[in-house]
Amino acid sequence: MRRALAAAAALALVAAGGVTARERDRPLAANPSGFIAAEIAFARLAQEKGQWTAFRETAAPEAVMFVPQRVKARDWLKSQKDPAEAVKWQPHAVYVSCDGNVGVTTGAWQKGPANGYFTTVWLRDPKKGKMAWILDHGDALTTPREAPDFIASKQAKCGSRPGVAIDGGTEGEDRAVGLSPDQTLSWTSVVQPDGARRVTVRLWDGTAMQQVIDDQVAAPAPQN
């Protein structure tokens, strides 16, 4: 029965002239759950193929990490061997631009007795839907983040295209600002000379760019 219905639908499409070029090129609709699915698949890949292999295979060409200074992810990952035990992680929330082409996931990670959190910025190809991460960072926690009953989801308001002010920062710090194409989601990463960093994410609520993530990481302890 299902096959017969599919055949009938295909015939109806042919009778109507098929899918036009304009329809094929129409941007994909916003889908917050797609970013959650990408993060879950990323975590699964780390368990199946290895931690750094998963990072390499899902990174955008311009992706960055912090070790603790900012590095170009693909260059740094070239020399990294997969650890025997890969870190595990789960998304707890997702924040998405109005057009659905940028999403930020944040959640918890575990490795042996250690616990922490992560934040990942994802880019989506507006025509093909392919996801790739462009920024990934996290830190350890003394108290694990409690898993929510449901993954929280929040999308920027549509209909307005606000200008986003760029803060030049202070001398000596490494600052970078990312912005969704529709200017409704922004992310800022700042690394201090001592390795301390801060990653903030803001979402347009129809009136202002509201801060939804503020991750602050202390400078690493000096090596003896």
Protein backbone atom coordinates (compact mmCIF):
# COMPACT_ATOMS: atom_id res chain seq x y z
CA MET A 1 0.00 0.00 0.00
CA ARG A 2 2.82 2.38 0.96
CA ARG A 3 4.62 1.64 -2.32
CA ALA A 4 1.42 2.28 -4.31
CA LEU A 5 0.94 5.64 -2.59
CA ALA A 6 4.53 6.61 -3.38
CA ALA A 7 4.04 5.70 -7.03
CA ALA A 8 0.86 7.76 -7.18
CA ALA A 9 2.66 10.74 -5.66
CA ALA A 10 5.46 10.41 -8.20
CA LEU A 11 2.95 10.34 -11.08
CA ALA A 12 1.23 13.43 -9.71
CA LEU A 13 4.57 15.23 -9.56
CA VAL A 14 5.32 14.33 -13.19
CA ALA A 15 1.86 15.47 -14.25
CA ALA A 16 2.45 18.79 -12.55
CA GLY A 17 5.70 19.31 -14.42
CA GLY A 18 8.13 18.04 -11.77
CA VAL A 19 10.21 20.10 -9.35
CA THR A 20 11.27 23.44 -10.81
CA ALA A 21 14.80 24.80 -10.57
CA ARG A 22 13.53 27.52 -8.24
CA GLU A 23 12.07 24.91 -5.89
CA ARG A 24 15.30 22.89 -5.93
CA ASP A 25 17.33 25.99 -5.03
CA ARG A 26 14.95 27.21 -2.33
CA PRO A 27 16.78 27.58 1.03
CA LEU A 28 16.02 24.89 3.59
CA ALA A 29 13.68 25.86 6.41
CA ALA A 30 15.06 26.45 9.90
CA ASN A 31 15.32 23.21 11.89
CA PRO A 32 16.72 23.50 15.44
CA SER A 33 16.51 19.73 15.91
CA GLY A 34 18.94 19.33 13.02
CA PHE A 35 21.73 20.89 15.10
CA ILE A 36 20.92 18.57 18.01
CA ALA A 37 21.07 15.61 15.62
CA ALA A 38 24.44 16.81 14.29
CA GLU A 39 25.84 17.09 17.83
CA ILE A 40 24.57 13.64 18.80
CA ALA A 41 26.04 12.15 15.60
CA PHE A 42 29.34 13.94 16.36
CA ALA A 43 29.44 12.37 19.84
CA ARG A 44 28.57 8.94 18.45
CA LEU A 45 31.31 9.20 15.83
CA ALA A 46 33.84 9.89 18.58
CA GLN A 47 32.92 6.59 20.24
CA GLU A 48 32.89 4.62 17.00
CA LYS A 49 35.93 6.00 15.17
CA GLY A 50 37.94 7.89 17.77
CA GLN A 51 37.80 11.30 19.45
CA TRP A 52 40.08 13.36 17.21
CA THR A 53 38.98 11.50 14.10
CA ALA A 54 35.44 12.69 14.81
CA PHE A 55 36.65 16.26 15.25
CA ARG A 56 38.58 16.13 11.97
CA GLU A 57 35.70 14.68 9.97
CA THR A 58 33.11 17.22 11.15
CA ALA A 59 35.14 20.45 11.20
CA ALA A 60 34.57 23.32 8.79
CA PRO A 61 37.71 24.44 6.91
CA GLU A 62 37.96 27.59 9.06
CA ALA A 63 37.07 25.89 12.39
CA VAL A 64 38.93 26.92 15.55
CA MET A 65 39.72 25.30 18.90
CA PHE A 66 41.52 26.49 22.03
CA VAL A 67 44.53 24.63 23.47
CA PRO A 68 44.37 27.05 25.38
CA GLN A 69 45.36 29.63 22.72
CA ARG A 70 43.25 29.77 19.57
CA VAL A 71 44.37 27.35 16.85
CA LYS A 72 43.09 26.45 13.41
CA ALA A 73 41.41 23.14 14.15
CA ARG A 74 42.35 21.22 11.01
CA ASP A 75 46.03 22.12 11.39
CA TRP A 76 46.16 21.18 15.08
CA LEU A 77 44.18 17.97 14.62
CA LYS A 78 46.57 16.62 11.97
CA SER A 79 49.08 15.56 14.63
CA GLN A 80 46.60 14.33 17.24
CA LYS A 81 46.21 10.60 17.87
CA ASP A 82 42.91 9.26 19.13
CA PRO A 83 43.02 8.50 22.89
CA ALA A 84 42.15 5.00 24.02
CA GLU A 85 39.04 6.38 25.71
CA ALA A 86 37.09 9.05 23.84
CA VAL A 87 35.26 11.75 25.74
CA LYS A 88 31.48 11.34 25.86
CA TRP A 89 29.09 14.26 25.61
CA GLN A 90 25.39 15.18 25.38
CA PRO A 91 23.71 18.39 24.21
CA HIS A 92 21.46 20.16 26.71
CA ALA A 93 20.38 23.21 24.69
CA VAL A 94 20.47 24.69 21.18
CA TYR A 95 20.25 28.30 20.01
CA VAL A 96 19.52 28.97 16.34
CA SER A 97 19.57 31.99 14.03
CA CYS A 98 16.31 33.09 12.43
CA ASP A 99 17.28 31.63 9.04
CA GLY A 100 18.41 28.35 10.62
CA ASN A 101 21.89 28.46 9.08
CA VAL A 102 23.83 28.87 12.33
CA GLY A 103 23.20 26.96 15.54
CA VAL A 104 24.99 26.74 18.87
CA THR A 105 24.79 23.64 21.03
CA THR A 106 25.92 23.42 24.64
CA GLY A 107 25.90 20.58 27.12
CA ALA A 108 27.92 18.23 29.31
CA TRP A 109 30.88 15.88 28.79
CA GLN A 110 32.38 13.01 30.76
CA LYS A 111 35.68 11.15 30.62
CA GLY A 112 36.44 8.67 33.38
CA PRO A 113 35.91 10.51 36.69
CA ALA A 114 36.14 13.94 35.01
CA ASN A 115 33.15 16.06 34.03
CA GLY A 116 32.74 19.31 32.17
CA TYR A 117 30.77 21.32 29.64
CA PHE A 118 31.13 22.22 25.97
CA THR A 119 29.82 24.76 23.50
CA THR A 120 29.88 24.17 19.73
CA VAL A 121 29.01 26.61 16.94
CA TRP A 122 27.61 24.89 13.85
CA LEU A 123 27.17 26.13 10.29
CA ARG A 124 24.53 24.66 7.98
CA ASP A 125 24.71 24.71 4.19
CA PRO A 126 21.43 26.51 3.32
CA LYS A 127 20.87 24.39 0.18
CA LYS A 128 22.28 20.97 1.08
CA GLY A 129 21.71 21.01 4.83
CA LYS A 130 25.18 19.67 5.64
CA MET A 131 26.44 20.61 9.11
CA ALA A 132 30.01 21.46 10.11
CA TRP A 133 31.30 22.97 13.33
CA ILE A 134 33.27 26.23 13.21
CA LEU A 135 34.09 26.71 16.92
CA ASP A 136 34.39 24.19 19.72
CA HIS A 137 35.47 24.72 23.30
CA GLY A 138 34.76 23.56 26.81
CA ASP A 139 36.14 23.23 30.31
CA ALA A 140 36.12 20.91 33.32
CA LEU A 141 33.64 21.31 36.17
CA THR A 142 33.85 20.25 39.80
CA THR A 143 30.08 19.63 39.80
CA PRO A 144 28.60 17.98 36.67
CA ARG A 145 25.90 19.81 34.75
CA GLU A 146 22.56 18.20 35.47
CA ALA A 147 20.93 16.71 32.39
CA PRO A 148 17.58 18.36 31.57
CA ASP A 149 14.38 16.39 31.01
CA PHE A 150 14.19 17.92 27.54
CA ILE A 151 16.78 19.60 25.34
CA ALA A 152 16.03 23.32 25.39
CA SER A 153 15.61 25.07 22.03
CA LYS A 154 15.46 28.78 21.26
CA GLN A 155 15.40 30.48 17.87
CA ALA A 156 16.10 34.12 17.08
CA LYS A 157 13.20 36.35 16.10
CA CYS A 158 12.72 36.98 12.40
CA GLY A 159 11.70 40.06 10.48
CA SER A 160 14.43 42.43 11.64
CA ARG A 161 18.07 42.65 10.64
CA PRO A 162 19.87 44.52 13.43
CA GLY A 163 23.35 45.91 13.03
CA VAL A 164 25.73 44.23 15.47
CA ALA A 165 28.33 46.41 17.17
CA ILE A 166 31.89 45.06 17.21
CA ASP A 167 33.94 45.63 20.36
CA GLY A 168 37.62 46.04 19.55
CA GLY A 169 38.63 44.68 22.95
CA THR A 170 41.80 45.47 24.87
CA GLU A 171 45.42 45.36 23.82
CA GLY A 172 47.02 41.92 23.87
CA GLU A 173 43.87 39.83 23.76
CA ASP A 174 42.88 37.60 20.85
CA ARG A 175 39.28 38.46 19.96
CA ALA A 176 37.12 37.10 17.15
CA VAL A 177 33.44 37.72 16.38
CA GLY A 178 31.21 35.48 14.28
CA LEU A 179 27.82 36.45 12.88
CA SER A 180 25.06 34.52 11.17
CA PRO A 181 24.28 35.72 7.62
CA ASP A 182 20.98 37.20 8.81
CA GLN A 183 22.70 38.91 11.80
CA THR A 184 20.35 37.35 14.38
CA LEU A 185 22.97 35.21 16.13
CA SER A 186 26.50 36.21 17.07
CA TRP A 187 29.36 34.54 18.91
CA THR A 188 32.43 36.18 20.40
CA SER A 189 35.56 34.41 21.60
CA VAL A 190 38.27 36.21 23.55
CA VAL A 191 41.58 34.65 24.61
CA GLN A 192 43.90 36.44 27.00
CA PRO A 193 47.71 36.17 26.82
CA ASP A 194 47.68 33.87 29.88
CA GLY A 195 45.24 31.43 28.17
CA ALA A 196 42.06 32.53 29.96
CA ARG A 197 39.15 32.80 27.56
CA ARG A 198 35.51 33.76 27.30
CA VAL A 199 32.94 32.63 24.74
CA THR A 200 29.63 34.45 24.55
CA VAL A 201 26.62 33.87 22.30
CA ARG A 202 23.86 36.39 21.64
CA LEU A 203 20.46 35.95 20.03
CA TRP A 204 18.12 38.57 18.54
CA ASP A 205 14.83 38.73 20.48
CA GLY A 206 13.14 41.30 18.25
CA THR A 207 14.47 44.24 20.25
CA ALA A 208 18.08 43.51 21.22
CA MET A 209 20.84 40.94 21.00
CA GLN A 210 20.35 38.99 24.23
CA GLN A 211 23.19 36.98 25.76
CA VAL A 212 22.24 33.29 25.98
CA ILE A 213 25.67 31.73 26.66
CA ASP A 214 28.56 33.13 28.67
CA ASP A 215 31.36 30.59 29.13
CA GLN A 216 34.35 31.81 31.13
CA VAL A 217 37.47 29.66 31.38
CA ALA A 218 40.27 30.46 33.83
CA ALA A 219 43.90 30.54 32.74
CA PRO A 220 45.61 27.13 33.04
CA ALA A 221 47.85 26.56 36.06
CA PRO A 222 51.54 27.25 35.38
CA GLN A 223 53.61 24.20 34.47
CA ASN A 224 56.37 23.33 36.97
